[in-house]
């Protein structure tokens, strides 16, 4: 349990440092918009409940995958392919900036304020 709490503390510090980074903010907003657009699409076109659609979008963008849900229409399948190509890069770039905030918080601060 202590290990979990220490890891959670490091993650929260990394996110705190990342939010000071303008590049992270842009990635965060784009990723949130991507999640929102996917969630809206799957609730309207596939008839998923919003929490199921959000979950499907999150596991798709992190490349975990969803074992049970498969888009049913050709339009949904085409959207999913485009959604994956557009969103996976954004998601992993955002995760990389959080990682940088955990491992190199001072470096992010110097990138913000070059003197």
PDB file of N, CA and C in Angstrom:
ATOM      1  N   UNK A   1       0.812  -1.192   0.000  1.00  0.00           N
ATOM      2  CA  UNK A   1       0.000   0.000   0.000  1.00  0.00           C
ATOM      3  C   UNK A   1       0.860   1.263   0.000  1.00  0.00           C
ATOM      4  N   UNK A   2       1.955   1.227   0.724  1.00  0.00           N
ATOM      5  CA  UNK A   2       2.845   2.383   0.771  1.00  0.00           C
ATOM      6  C   UNK A   2       3.445   2.638  -0.605  1.00  0.00           C
ATOM      7  N   UNK A   3       3.797   1.566  -1.288  1.00  0.00           N
ATOM      8  CA  UNK A   3       4.348   1.708  -2.633  1.00  0.00           C
ATOM      9  C   UNK A   3       3.341   2.373  -3.566  1.00  0.00           C
ATOM     10  N   UNK A   4       2.088   1.970  -3.461  1.00  0.00           N
ATOM     11  CA  UNK A   4       1.045   2.577  -4.287  1.00  0.00           C
ATOM     12  C   UNK A   4       0.916   4.067  -3.999  1.00  0.00           C
ATOM     13  N   UNK A   5       0.905   4.425  -2.720  1.00  0.00           N
ATOM     14  CA  UNK A   5       0.764   5.832  -2.349  1.00  0.00           C
ATOM     15  C   UNK A   5       1.955   6.661  -2.817  1.00  0.00           C
ATOM     16  N   UNK A   6       3.148   6.093  -2.744  1.00  0.00           N
ATOM     17  CA  UNK A   6       4.336   6.816  -3.225  1.00  0.00           C
ATOM     18  C   UNK A   6       4.272   7.003  -4.742  1.00  0.00           C
ATOM     19  N   UNK A   7       3.821   5.977  -5.433  1.00  0.00           N
ATOM     20  CA  UNK A   7       3.686   6.071  -6.887  1.00  0.00           C
ATOM     21  C   UNK A   7       2.618   7.095  -7.256  1.00  0.00           C
ATOM     22  N   UNK A   8       1.512   7.090  -6.547  1.00  0.00           N
ATOM     23  CA  UNK A   8       0.456   8.062  -6.789  1.00  0.00           C
ATOM     24  C   UNK A   8       0.955   9.480  -6.542  1.00  0.00           C
ATOM     25  N   UNK A   9       1.745   9.663  -5.497  1.00  0.00           N
ATOM     26  CA  UNK A   9       2.306  10.975  -5.199  1.00  0.00           C
ATOM     27  C   UNK A   9       3.213  11.441  -6.335  1.00  0.00           C
ATOM     28  N   UNK A  10       4.060  10.558  -6.846  1.00  0.00           N
ATOM     29  CA  UNK A  10       4.935  10.913  -7.975  1.00  0.00           C
ATOM     30  C   UNK A  10       4.123  11.266  -9.212  1.00  0.00           C
ATOM     31  N   UNK A  11       3.061  10.498  -9.468  1.00  0.00           N
ATOM     32  CA  UNK A  11       2.212  10.781 -10.620  1.00  0.00           C
ATOM     33  C   UNK A  11       1.561  12.153 -10.492  1.00  0.00           C
ATOM     34  N   UNK A  12       1.014  12.445  -9.337  1.00  0.00           N
ATOM     35  CA  UNK A  12       0.370  13.743  -9.139  1.00  0.00           C
ATOM     36  C   UNK A  12       1.361  14.893  -9.251  1.00  0.00           C
ATOM     37  N   UNK A  13       2.590  14.702  -8.741  1.00  0.00           N
ATOM     38  CA  UNK A  13       3.621  15.737  -8.918  1.00  0.00           C
ATOM     39  C   UNK A  13       3.955  15.919 -10.387  1.00  0.00           C
ATOM     40  N   UNK A  14       4.060  14.800 -11.117  1.00  0.00           N
ATOM     41  CA  UNK A  14       4.350  14.881 -12.547  1.00  0.00           C
ATOM     42  C   UNK A  14       3.269  15.614 -13.302  1.00  0.00           C
ATOM     43  N   UNK A  15       2.014  15.339 -12.967  1.00  0.00           N
ATOM     44  CA  UNK A  15       0.905  16.038 -13.615  1.00  0.00           C
ATOM     45  C   UNK A  15       0.932  17.518 -13.247  1.00  0.00           C
ATOM     46  N   UNK A  16       1.225  17.823 -11.986  1.00  0.00           N
ATOM     47  CA  UNK A  16       1.324  19.217 -11.544  1.00  0.00           C
ATOM     48  C   UNK A  16       2.396  19.958 -12.345  1.00  0.00           C
ATOM     49  N   UNK A  17       3.581  19.343 -12.493  1.00  0.00           N
ATOM     50  CA  UNK A  17       4.650  19.981 -13.267  1.00  0.00           C
ATOM     51  C   UNK A  17       4.271  20.069 -14.744  1.00  0.00           C
ATOM     52  N   UNK A  18       3.586  19.049 -15.259  1.00  0.00           N
ATOM     53  CA  UNK A  18       3.217  19.048 -16.673  1.00  0.00           C
ATOM     54  C   UNK A  18       2.225  20.164 -16.983  1.00  0.00           C
ATOM     55  N   UNK A  19       1.314  20.459 -16.060  1.00  0.00           N
ATOM     56  CA  UNK A  19       0.330  21.510 -16.317  1.00  0.00           C
ATOM     57  C   UNK A  19       0.964  22.891 -16.406  1.00  0.00           C
ATOM     58  N   UNK A  20       2.187  23.032 -15.963  1.00  0.00           N
ATOM     59  CA  UNK A  20       2.892  24.308 -16.114  1.00  0.00           C
ATOM     60  C   UNK A  20       3.498  24.452 -17.506  1.00  0.00           C
ATOM     61  N   UNK A  21       3.494  23.377 -18.263  1.00  0.00           N
ATOM     62  CA  UNK A  21       4.102  23.343 -19.589  1.00  0.00           C
ATOM     63  C   UNK A  21       3.044  23.668 -20.647  1.00  0.00           C
ATOM     64  N   UNK A  22       3.244  24.727 -21.454  1.00  0.00           N
ATOM     65  CA  UNK A  22       2.250  25.087 -22.477  1.00  0.00           C
ATOM     66  C   UNK A  22       2.018  23.974 -23.506  1.00  0.00           C
ATOM     67  N   UNK A  23       3.061  23.225 -23.836  1.00  0.00           N
ATOM     68  CA  UNK A  23       2.881  22.124 -24.783  1.00  0.00           C
ATOM     69  C   UNK A  23       1.968  21.053 -24.201  1.00  0.00           C
ATOM     70  N   UNK A  24       2.127  20.777 -22.910  1.00  0.00           N
ATOM     71  CA  UNK A  24       1.260  19.801 -22.268  1.00  0.00           C
ATOM     72  C   UNK A  24      -0.182  20.285 -22.268  1.00  0.00           C
ATOM     73  N   UNK A  25      -0.380  21.557 -21.970  1.00  0.00           N
ATOM     74  CA  UNK A  25      -1.739  22.087 -21.958  1.00  0.00           C
ATOM     75  C   UNK A  25      -2.412  21.907 -23.318  1.00  0.00           C
ATOM     76  N   UNK A  26      -1.683  22.180 -24.376  1.00  0.00           N
ATOM     77  CA  UNK A  26      -2.239  22.001 -25.720  1.00  0.00           C
ATOM     78  C   UNK A  26      -2.569  20.533 -25.975  1.00  0.00           C
ATOM     79  N   UNK A  27      -1.649  19.636 -25.595  1.00  0.00           N
ATOM     80  CA  UNK A  27      -1.902  18.206 -25.776  1.00  0.00           C
ATOM     81  C   UNK A  27      -3.076  17.742 -24.927  1.00  0.00           C
ATOM     82  N   UNK A  28      -3.170  18.255 -23.718  1.00  0.00           N
ATOM     83  CA  UNK A  28      -4.266  17.877 -22.827  1.00  0.00           C
ATOM     84  C   UNK A  28      -5.612  18.292 -23.415  1.00  0.00           C
ATOM     85  N   UNK A  29      -5.690  19.517 -23.920  1.00  0.00           N
ATOM     86  CA  UNK A  29      -6.944  20.007 -24.501  1.00  0.00           C
ATOM     87  C   UNK A  29      -7.308  19.214 -25.751  1.00  0.00           C
ATOM     88  N   UNK A  30      -6.329  18.943 -26.603  1.00  0.00           N
ATOM     89  CA  UNK A  30      -6.600  18.163 -27.820  1.00  0.00           C
ATOM     90  C   UNK A  30      -7.018  16.730 -27.490  1.00  0.00           C
ATOM     91  N   UNK A  31      -6.372  16.129 -26.495  1.00  0.00           N
ATOM     92  CA  UNK A  31      -6.736  14.772 -26.098  1.00  0.00           C
ATOM     93  C   UNK A  31      -8.133  14.749 -25.485  1.00  0.00           C
ATOM     94  N   UNK A  32      -8.446  15.735 -24.649  1.00  0.00           N
ATOM     95  CA  UNK A  32      -9.783  15.812 -24.061  1.00  0.00           C
ATOM     96  C   UNK A  32     -10.839  16.011 -25.150  1.00  0.00           C
ATOM     97  N   UNK A  33     -10.539  16.845 -26.135  1.00  0.00           N
ATOM     98  CA  UNK A  33     -11.478  17.064 -27.242  1.00  0.00           C
ATOM     99  C   UNK A  33     -11.653  15.779 -28.062  1.00  0.00           C
ATOM    100  N   UNK A  34     -10.571  15.038 -28.237  1.00  0.00           N
ATOM    101  CA  UNK A  34     -10.645  13.774 -28.962  1.00  0.00           C
ATOM    102  C   UNK A  34     -11.505  12.773 -28.202  1.00  0.00           C
ATOM    103  N   UNK A  35     -11.292  12.678 -26.889  1.00  0.00           N
ATOM    104  CA  UNK A  35     -12.122  11.779 -26.069  1.00  0.00           C
ATOM    105  C   UNK A  35     -13.594  12.191 -26.124  1.00  0.00           C
ATOM    106  N   UNK A  36     -13.842  13.483 -26.035  1.00  0.00           N
ATOM    107  CA  UNK A  36     -15.215  13.973 -26.078  1.00  0.00           C
ATOM    108  C   UNK A  36     -15.874  13.672 -27.423  1.00  0.00           C
ATOM    109  N   UNK A  37     -15.154  13.923 -28.505  1.00  0.00           N
ATOM    110  CA  UNK A  37     -15.737  13.672 -29.825  1.00  0.00           C
ATOM    111  C   UNK A  37     -16.015  12.186 -30.037  1.00  0.00           C
ATOM    112  N   UNK A  38     -15.097  11.335 -29.605  1.00  0.00           N
ATOM    113  CA  UNK A  38     -15.326   9.896 -29.721  1.00  0.00           C
ATOM    114  C   UNK A  38     -16.491   9.442 -28.863  1.00  0.00           C
ATOM    115  N   UNK A  39     -16.568   9.973 -27.657  1.00  0.00           N
ATOM    116  CA  UNK A  39     -17.660   9.611 -26.756  1.00  0.00           C
ATOM    117  C   UNK A  39     -19.004  10.010 -27.356  1.00  0.00           C
ATOM    118  N   UNK A  40     -19.080  11.226 -27.882  1.00  0.00           N
ATOM    119  CA  UNK A  40     -20.327  11.669 -28.515  1.00  0.00           C
ATOM    120  C   UNK A  40     -20.680  10.810 -29.725  1.00  0.00           C
ATOM    121  N   UNK A  41     -19.667  10.477 -30.524  1.00  0.00           N
ATOM    122  CA  UNK A  41     -19.917   9.658 -31.707  1.00  0.00           C
ATOM    123  C   UNK A  41     -20.485   8.302 -31.323  1.00  0.00           C
ATOM    124  N   UNK A  42     -19.836   7.613 -30.396  1.00  0.00           N
ATOM    125  CA  UNK A  42     -20.260   6.254 -30.049  1.00  0.00           C
ATOM    126  C   UNK A  42     -21.587   6.237 -29.289  1.00  0.00           C
ATOM    127  N   UNK A  43     -21.910   7.303 -28.572  1.00  0.00           N
ATOM    128  CA  UNK A  43     -23.225   7.332 -27.924  1.00  0.00           C
ATOM    129  C   UNK A  43     -24.330   7.532 -28.950  1.00  0.00           C
ATOM    130  N   UNK A  44     -24.067   8.347 -29.961  1.00  0.00           N
ATOM    131  CA  UNK A  44     -25.110   8.633 -30.950  1.00  0.00           C
ATOM    132  C   UNK A  44     -25.212   7.552 -32.024  1.00  0.00           C
ATOM    133  N   UNK A  45     -24.068   7.111 -32.554  1.00  0.00           N
ATOM    134  CA  UNK A  45     -24.102   6.190 -33.689  1.00  0.00           C
ATOM    135  C   UNK A  45     -24.243   4.734 -33.223  1.00  0.00           C
ATOM    136  N   UNK A  46     -23.513   4.356 -32.193  1.00  0.00           N
ATOM    137  CA  UNK A  46     -23.538   2.969 -31.729  1.00  0.00           C
ATOM    138  C   UNK A  46     -24.528   2.741 -30.589  1.00  0.00           C
ATOM    139  N   UNK A  47     -25.073   3.827 -30.021  1.00  0.00           N
ATOM    140  CA  UNK A  47     -26.051   3.689 -28.958  1.00  0.00           C
ATOM    141  C   UNK A  47     -25.474   3.265 -27.616  1.00  0.00           C
ATOM    142  N   UNK A  48     -24.191   3.499 -27.409  1.00  0.00           N
ATOM    143  CA  UNK A  48     -23.575   3.151 -26.128  1.00  0.00           C
ATOM    144  C   UNK A  48     -23.955   4.170 -25.064  1.00  0.00           C
ATOM    145  N   UNK A  49     -23.984   3.732 -23.827  1.00  0.00           N
ATOM    146  CA  UNK A  49     -24.138   4.659 -22.708  1.00  0.00           C
ATOM    147  C   UNK A  49     -22.882   5.520 -22.677  1.00  0.00           C
ATOM    148  N   UNK A  50     -22.979   6.758 -22.200  1.00  0.00           N
ATOM    149  CA  UNK A  50     -21.835   7.678 -22.286  1.00  0.00           C
ATOM    150  C   UNK A  50     -20.606   7.157 -21.548  1.00  0.00           C
ATOM    151  N   UNK A  51     -20.784   6.481 -20.419  1.00  0.00           N
ATOM    152  CA  UNK A  51     -19.618   5.990 -19.682  1.00  0.00           C
ATOM    153  C   UNK A  51     -18.962   4.828 -20.427  1.00  0.00           C
ATOM    154  N   UNK A  52     -19.765   4.000 -21.087  1.00  0.00           N
ATOM    155  CA  UNK A  52     -19.208   2.916 -21.895  1.00  0.00           C
ATOM    156  C   UNK A  52     -18.463   3.465 -23.114  1.00  0.00           C
ATOM    157  N   UNK A  53     -19.025   4.495 -23.721  1.00  0.00           N
ATOM    158  CA  UNK A  53     -18.376   5.121 -24.872  1.00  0.00           C
ATOM    159  C   UNK A  53     -17.060   5.773 -24.468  1.00  0.00           C
ATOM    160  N   UNK A  54     -17.058   6.473 -23.322  1.00  0.00           N
ATOM    161  CA  UNK A  54     -15.824   7.092 -22.833  1.00  0.00           C
ATOM    162  C   UNK A  54     -14.777   6.028 -22.528  1.00  0.00           C
ATOM    163  N   UNK A  55     -15.190   4.952 -21.894  1.00  0.00           N
ATOM    164  CA  UNK A  55     -14.275   3.851 -21.586  1.00  0.00           C
ATOM    165  C   UNK A  55     -13.702   3.257 -22.872  1.00  0.00           C
ATOM    166  N   UNK A  56     -14.559   3.014 -23.870  1.00  0.00           N
ATOM    167  CA  UNK A  56     -14.082   2.472 -25.135  1.00  0.00           C
ATOM    168  C   UNK A  56     -13.074   3.415 -25.782  1.00  0.00           C
ATOM    169  N   UNK A  57     -13.352   4.714 -25.737  1.00  0.00           N
ATOM    170  CA  UNK A  57     -12.428   5.690 -26.322  1.00  0.00           C
ATOM    171  C   UNK A  57     -11.093   5.693 -25.593  1.00  0.00           C
ATOM    172  N   UNK A  58     -11.137   5.640 -24.266  1.00  0.00           N
ATOM    173  CA  UNK A  58      -9.895   5.655 -23.484  1.00  0.00           C
ATOM    174  C   UNK A  58      -9.064   4.413 -23.750  1.00  0.00           C
ATOM    175  N   UNK A  59      -9.678   3.240 -23.783  1.00  0.00           N
ATOM    176  CA  UNK A  59      -8.889   2.031 -24.025  1.00  0.00           C
ATOM    177  C   UNK A  59      -8.422   1.953 -25.468  1.00  0.00           C
ATOM    178  N   UNK A  60      -9.144   2.573 -26.376  1.00  0.00           N
ATOM    179  CA  UNK A  60      -8.699   2.613 -27.771  1.00  0.00           C
ATOM    180  C   UNK A  60      -7.485   3.527 -27.918  1.00  0.00           C
ATOM    181  N   UNK A  61      -7.539   4.715 -27.314  1.00  0.00           N
ATOM    182  CA  UNK A  61      -6.445   5.673 -27.459  1.00  0.00           C
ATOM    183  C   UNK A  61      -5.182   5.257 -26.714  1.00  0.00           C
ATOM    184  N   UNK A  62      -5.308   4.403 -25.713  1.00  0.00           N
ATOM    185  CA  UNK A  62      -4.119   3.916 -25.012  1.00  0.00           C
ATOM    186  C   UNK A  62      -3.669   2.566 -25.559  1.00  0.00           C
ATOM    187  N   UNK A  63      -4.277   2.108 -26.619  1.00  0.00           N
ATOM    188  CA  UNK A  63      -3.987   0.863 -27.337  1.00  0.00           C
ATOM    189  C   UNK A  63      -4.199  -0.388 -26.483  1.00  0.00           C
ATOM    190  N   UNK A  64      -4.969  -0.278 -25.416  1.00  0.00           N
ATOM    191  CA  UNK A  64      -5.299  -1.457 -24.620  1.00  0.00           C
ATOM    192  C   UNK A  64      -6.296  -2.315 -25.376  1.00  0.00           C
ATOM    193  N   UNK A  65      -7.301  -1.693 -25.940  1.00  0.00           N
ATOM    194  CA  UNK A  65      -8.325  -2.413 -26.693  1.00  0.00           C
ATOM    195  C   UNK A  65      -9.464  -2.856 -25.807  1.00  0.00           C
ATOM    196  N   UNK A  66     -10.606  -3.049 -26.414  1.00  0.00           N
ATOM    197  CA  UNK A  66     -11.798  -3.499 -25.704  1.00  0.00           C
ATOM    198  C   UNK A  66     -12.168  -4.871 -26.262  1.00  0.00           C
ATOM    199  N   UNK A  67     -12.204  -5.898 -25.418  1.00  0.00           N
ATOM    200  CA  UNK A  67     -12.410  -7.254 -25.931  1.00  0.00           C
ATOM    201  C   UNK A  67     -13.831  -7.550 -26.400  1.00  0.00           C
ATOM    202  N   UNK A  68     -14.815  -6.789 -25.929  1.00  0.00           N
ATOM    203  CA  UNK A  68     -16.201  -7.143 -26.227  1.00  0.00           C
ATOM    204  C   UNK A  68     -16.862  -6.253 -27.267  1.00  0.00           C
ATOM    205  N   UNK A  69     -16.517  -4.971 -27.290  1.00  0.00           N
ATOM    206  CA  UNK A  69     -17.206  -4.063 -28.200  1.00  0.00           C
ATOM    207  C   UNK A  69     -16.470  -3.962 -29.519  1.00  0.00           C
ATOM    208  N   UNK A  70     -17.205  -4.118 -30.592  1.00  0.00           N
ATOM    209  CA  UNK A  70     -16.693  -3.924 -31.944  1.00  0.00           C
ATOM    210  C   UNK A  70     -17.708  -3.039 -32.659  1.00  0.00           C
ATOM    211  N   UNK A  71     -17.259  -1.969 -33.312  1.00  0.00           N
ATOM    212  CA  UNK A  71     -18.213  -1.128 -34.044  1.00  0.00           C
ATOM    213  C   UNK A  71     -19.024  -1.966 -35.024  1.00  0.00           C
ATOM    214  N   UNK A  72     -20.308  -1.653 -35.148  1.00  0.00           N
ATOM    215  CA  UNK A  72     -21.205  -2.507 -35.927  1.00  0.00           C
ATOM    216  C   UNK A  72     -21.402  -2.064 -37.366  1.00  0.00           C
ATOM    217  N   UNK A  73     -21.229  -0.781 -37.652  1.00  0.00           N
ATOM    218  CA  UNK A  73     -21.460  -0.306 -39.016  1.00  0.00           C
ATOM    219  C   UNK A  73     -20.127   0.006 -39.690  1.00  0.00           C
ATOM    220  N   UNK A  74     -20.165   0.040 -40.996  1.00  0.00           N
ATOM    221  CA  UNK A  74     -18.967   0.405 -41.743  1.00  0.00           C
ATOM    222  C   UNK A  74     -18.525   1.826 -41.428  1.00  0.00           C
ATOM    223  N   UNK A  75     -19.501   2.722 -41.251  1.00  0.00           N
ATOM    224  CA  UNK A  75     -19.196   4.105 -40.909  1.00  0.00           C
ATOM    225  C   UNK A  75     -18.473   4.181 -39.566  1.00  0.00           C
ATOM    226  N   UNK A  76     -18.953   3.410 -38.591  1.00  0.00           N
ATOM    227  CA  UNK A  76     -18.312   3.389 -37.267  1.00  0.00           C
ATOM    228  C   UNK A  76     -16.914   2.806 -37.333  1.00  0.00           C
ATOM    229  N   UNK A  77     -16.746   1.797 -38.137  1.00  0.00           N
ATOM    230  CA  UNK A  77     -15.413   1.190 -38.277  1.00  0.00           C
ATOM    231  C   UNK A  77     -14.445   2.171 -38.932  1.00  0.00           C
ATOM    232  N   UNK A  78     -14.901   2.889 -39.957  1.00  0.00           N
ATOM    233  CA  UNK A  78     -14.045   3.885 -40.609  1.00  0.00           C
ATOM    234  C   UNK A  78     -13.714   5.013 -39.634  1.00  0.00           C
ATOM    235  N   UNK A  79     -14.710   5.461 -38.866  1.00  0.00           N
ATOM    236  CA  UNK A  79     -14.456   6.489 -37.866  1.00  0.00           C
ATOM    237  C   UNK A  79     -13.423   6.010 -36.854  1.00  0.00           C
ATOM    238  N   UNK A  80     -13.541   4.770 -36.415  1.00  0.00           N
ATOM    239  CA  UNK A  80     -12.625   4.224 -35.412  1.00  0.00           C
ATOM    240  C   UNK A  80     -11.196   4.193 -35.928  1.00  0.00           C
ATOM    241  N   UNK A  81     -11.006   3.834 -37.172  1.00  0.00           N
ATOM    242  CA  UNK A  81      -9.654   3.817 -37.751  1.00  0.00           C
ATOM    243  C   UNK A  81      -9.073   5.225 -37.755  1.00  0.00           C
ATOM    244  N   UNK A  82      -9.823   6.194 -38.223  1.00  0.00           N
ATOM    245  CA  UNK A  82      -9.345   7.577 -38.245  1.00  0.00           C
ATOM    246  C   UNK A  82      -9.126   8.078 -36.822  1.00  0.00           C
ATOM    247  N   UNK A  83     -10.046   7.732 -35.936  1.00  0.00           N
ATOM    248  CA  UNK A  83      -9.959   8.122 -34.524  1.00  0.00           C
ATOM    249  C   UNK A  83      -8.672   7.603 -33.886  1.00  0.00           C
ATOM    250  N   UNK A  84      -8.341   6.354 -34.176  1.00  0.00           N
ATOM    251  CA  UNK A  84      -7.117   5.771 -33.610  1.00  0.00           C
ATOM    252  C   UNK A  84      -5.876   6.485 -34.136  1.00  0.00           C
ATOM    253  N   UNK A  85      -5.805   6.699 -35.440  1.00  0.00           N
ATOM    254  CA  UNK A  85      -4.620   7.351 -35.999  1.00  0.00           C
ATOM    255  C   UNK A  85      -4.465   8.781 -35.499  1.00  0.00           C
ATOM    256  N   UNK A  86      -5.565   9.476 -35.316  1.00  0.00           N
ATOM    257  CA  UNK A  86      -5.491  10.852 -34.837  1.00  0.00           C
ATOM    258  C   UNK A  86      -5.222  10.919 -33.342  1.00  0.00           C
ATOM    259  N   UNK A  87      -5.822  10.027 -32.581  1.00  0.00           N
ATOM    260  CA  UNK A  87      -5.778  10.144 -31.135  1.00  0.00           C
ATOM    261  C   UNK A  87      -4.636   9.465 -30.419  1.00  0.00           C
ATOM    262  N   UNK A  88      -4.129   8.372 -30.954  1.00  0.00           N
ATOM    263  CA  UNK A  88      -3.075   7.635 -30.252  1.00  0.00           C
ATOM    264  C   UNK A  88      -1.814   8.479 -30.113  1.00  0.00           C
ATOM    265  N   UNK A  89      -1.440   9.180 -31.161  1.00  0.00           N
ATOM    266  CA  UNK A  89      -0.254  10.037 -31.089  1.00  0.00           C
ATOM    267  C   UNK A  89      -0.413  11.140 -30.057  1.00  0.00           C
ATOM    268  N   UNK A  90      -1.589  11.762 -30.040  1.00  0.00           N
ATOM    269  CA  UNK A  90      -1.850  12.811 -29.047  1.00  0.00           C
ATOM    270  C   UNK A  90      -1.785  12.259 -27.623  1.00  0.00           C
ATOM    271  N   UNK A  91      -2.397  11.104 -27.427  1.00  0.00           N
ATOM    272  CA  UNK A  91      -2.440  10.510 -26.091  1.00  0.00           C
ATOM    273  C   UNK A  91      -1.045  10.167 -25.596  1.00  0.00           C
ATOM    274  N   UNK A  92      -0.251   9.540 -26.448  1.00  0.00           N
ATOM    275  CA  UNK A  92       1.090   9.159 -26.007  1.00  0.00           C
ATOM    276  C   UNK A  92       2.011  10.370 -25.851  1.00  0.00           C
ATOM    277  N   UNK A  93       1.802  11.407 -26.642  1.00  0.00           N
ATOM    278  CA  UNK A  93       2.581  12.637 -26.446  1.00  0.00           C
ATOM    279  C   UNK A  93       2.243  13.264 -25.100  1.00  0.00           C
ATOM    280  N   UNK A  94       0.961  13.239 -24.735  1.00  0.00           N
ATOM    281  CA  UNK A  94       0.565  13.778 -23.434  1.00  0.00           C
ATOM    282  C   UNK A  94       1.154  12.939 -22.301  1.00  0.00           C
ATOM    283  N   UNK A  95       1.114  11.632 -22.433  1.00  0.00           N
ATOM    284  CA  UNK A  95       1.702  10.750 -21.423  1.00  0.00           C
ATOM    285  C   UNK A  95       3.206  10.985 -21.315  1.00  0.00           C
ATOM    286  N   UNK A  96       3.860  11.225 -22.439  1.00  0.00           N
ATOM    287  CA  UNK A  96       5.304  11.503 -22.422  1.00  0.00           C
ATOM    288  C   UNK A  96       5.607  12.792 -21.671  1.00  0.00           C
ATOM    289  N   UNK A  97       4.752  13.809 -21.822  1.00  0.00           N
ATOM    290  CA  UNK A  97       4.976  15.067 -21.093  1.00  0.00           C
ATOM    291  C   UNK A  97       4.745  14.881 -19.592  1.00  0.00           C
ATOM    292  N   UNK A  98       3.787  14.046 -19.211  1.00  0.00           N
ATOM    293  CA  UNK A  98       3.602  13.736 -17.791  1.00  0.00           C
ATOM    294  C   UNK A  98       4.827  13.013 -17.254  1.00  0.00           C
ATOM    295  N   UNK A  99       5.353  12.070 -18.038  1.00  0.00           N
ATOM    296  CA  UNK A  99       6.556  11.349 -17.637  1.00  0.00           C
ATOM    297  C   UNK A  99       7.729  12.307 -17.472  1.00  0.00           C
ATOM    298  N   UNK A 100       7.844  13.258 -18.387  1.00  0.00           N
ATOM    299  CA  UNK A 100       8.906  14.264 -18.262  1.00  0.00           C
ATOM    300  C   UNK A 100       8.725  15.086 -16.998  1.00  0.00           C
ATOM    301  N   UNK A 101       7.476  15.369 -16.641  1.00  0.00           N
ATOM    302  CA  UNK A 101       7.208  16.097 -15.405  1.00  0.00           C
ATOM    303  C   UNK A 101       7.600  15.310 -14.169  1.00  0.00           C
ATOM    304  N   UNK A 102       7.514  13.982 -14.250  1.00  0.00           N
ATOM    305  CA  UNK A 102       7.913  13.123 -13.132  1.00  0.00           C
ATOM    306  C   UNK A 102       9.428  13.016 -13.058  1.00  0.00           C
ATOM    307  N   UNK A 103      10.052  12.747 -14.203  1.00  0.00           N
ATOM    308  CA  UNK A 103      11.485  12.464 -14.215  1.00  0.00           C
ATOM    309  C   UNK A 103      12.359  13.706 -14.271  1.00  0.00           C
ATOM    310  N   UNK A 104      11.903  14.735 -14.977  1.00  0.00           N
ATOM    311  CA  UNK A 104      12.727  15.924 -15.192  1.00  0.00           C
ATOM    312  C   UNK A 104      11.949  17.209 -14.920  1.00  0.00           C
ATOM    313  N   UNK A 105      11.436  17.404 -13.720  1.00  0.00           N
ATOM    314  CA  UNK A 105      10.611  18.606 -13.473  1.00  0.00           C
ATOM    315  C   UNK A 105      11.377  19.907 -13.675  1.00  0.00           C
ATOM    316  N   UNK A 106      12.658  19.916 -13.363  1.00  0.00           N
ATOM    317  CA  UNK A 106      13.446  21.150 -13.530  1.00  0.00           C
ATOM    318  C   UNK A 106      13.649  21.474 -15.002  1.00  0.00           C
ATOM    319  N   UNK A 107      13.785  20.451 -15.820  1.00  0.00           N
ATOM    320  CA  UNK A 107      13.972  20.673 -17.250  1.00  0.00           C
ATOM    321  C   UNK A 107      12.732  21.340 -17.854  1.00  0.00           C
ATOM    322  N   UNK A 108      11.557  20.901 -17.438  1.00  0.00           N
ATOM    323  CA  UNK A 108      10.334  21.534 -17.943  1.00  0.00           C
ATOM    324  C   UNK A 108      10.278  22.996 -17.516  1.00  0.00           C
ATOM    325  N   UNK A 109      10.738  23.286 -16.302  1.00  0.00           N
ATOM    326  CA  UNK A 109      10.726  24.672 -15.826  1.00  0.00           C
ATOM    327  C   UNK A 109      11.673  25.529 -16.642  1.00  0.00           C
ATOM    328  N   UNK A 110      12.838  24.985 -17.034  1.00  0.00           N
ATOM    329  CA  UNK A 110      13.779  25.778 -17.828  1.00  0.00           C
ATOM    330  C   UNK A 110      13.273  25.934 -19.266  1.00  0.00           C
ATOM    331  N   UNK A 111      12.505  24.961 -19.776  1.00  0.00           N
ATOM    332  CA  UNK A 111      11.928  25.117 -21.098  1.00  0.00           C
ATOM    333  C   UNK A 111      10.895  26.231 -21.096  1.00  0.00           C
ATOM    334  N   UNK A 112      10.184  26.399 -19.980  1.00  0.00           N
ATOM    335  CA  UNK A 112       9.169  27.442 -19.882  1.00  0.00           C
ATOM    336  C   UNK A 112       9.782  28.820 -19.839  1.00  0.00           C
ATOM    337  N   UNK A 113      10.877  28.955 -19.081  1.00  0.00           N
ATOM    338  CA  UNK A 113      11.496  30.260 -18.836  1.00  0.00           C
ATOM    339  C   UNK A 113      12.939  30.290 -19.320  1.00  0.00           C
ATOM    340  N   UNK A 114      13.167  30.210 -20.638  1.00  0.00           N
ATOM    341  CA  UNK A 114      14.554  30.289 -21.104  1.00  0.00           C
ATOM    342  C   UNK A 114      15.123  31.681 -20.847  1.00  0.00           C
ATOM    343  N   UNK A 115      16.310  31.704 -20.290  1.00  0.00           N
ATOM    344  CA  UNK A 115      16.897  33.017 -19.937  1.00  0.00           C
ATOM    345  C   UNK A 115      18.087  33.338 -20.775  1.00  0.00           C
TER     346      UNK A 115
END
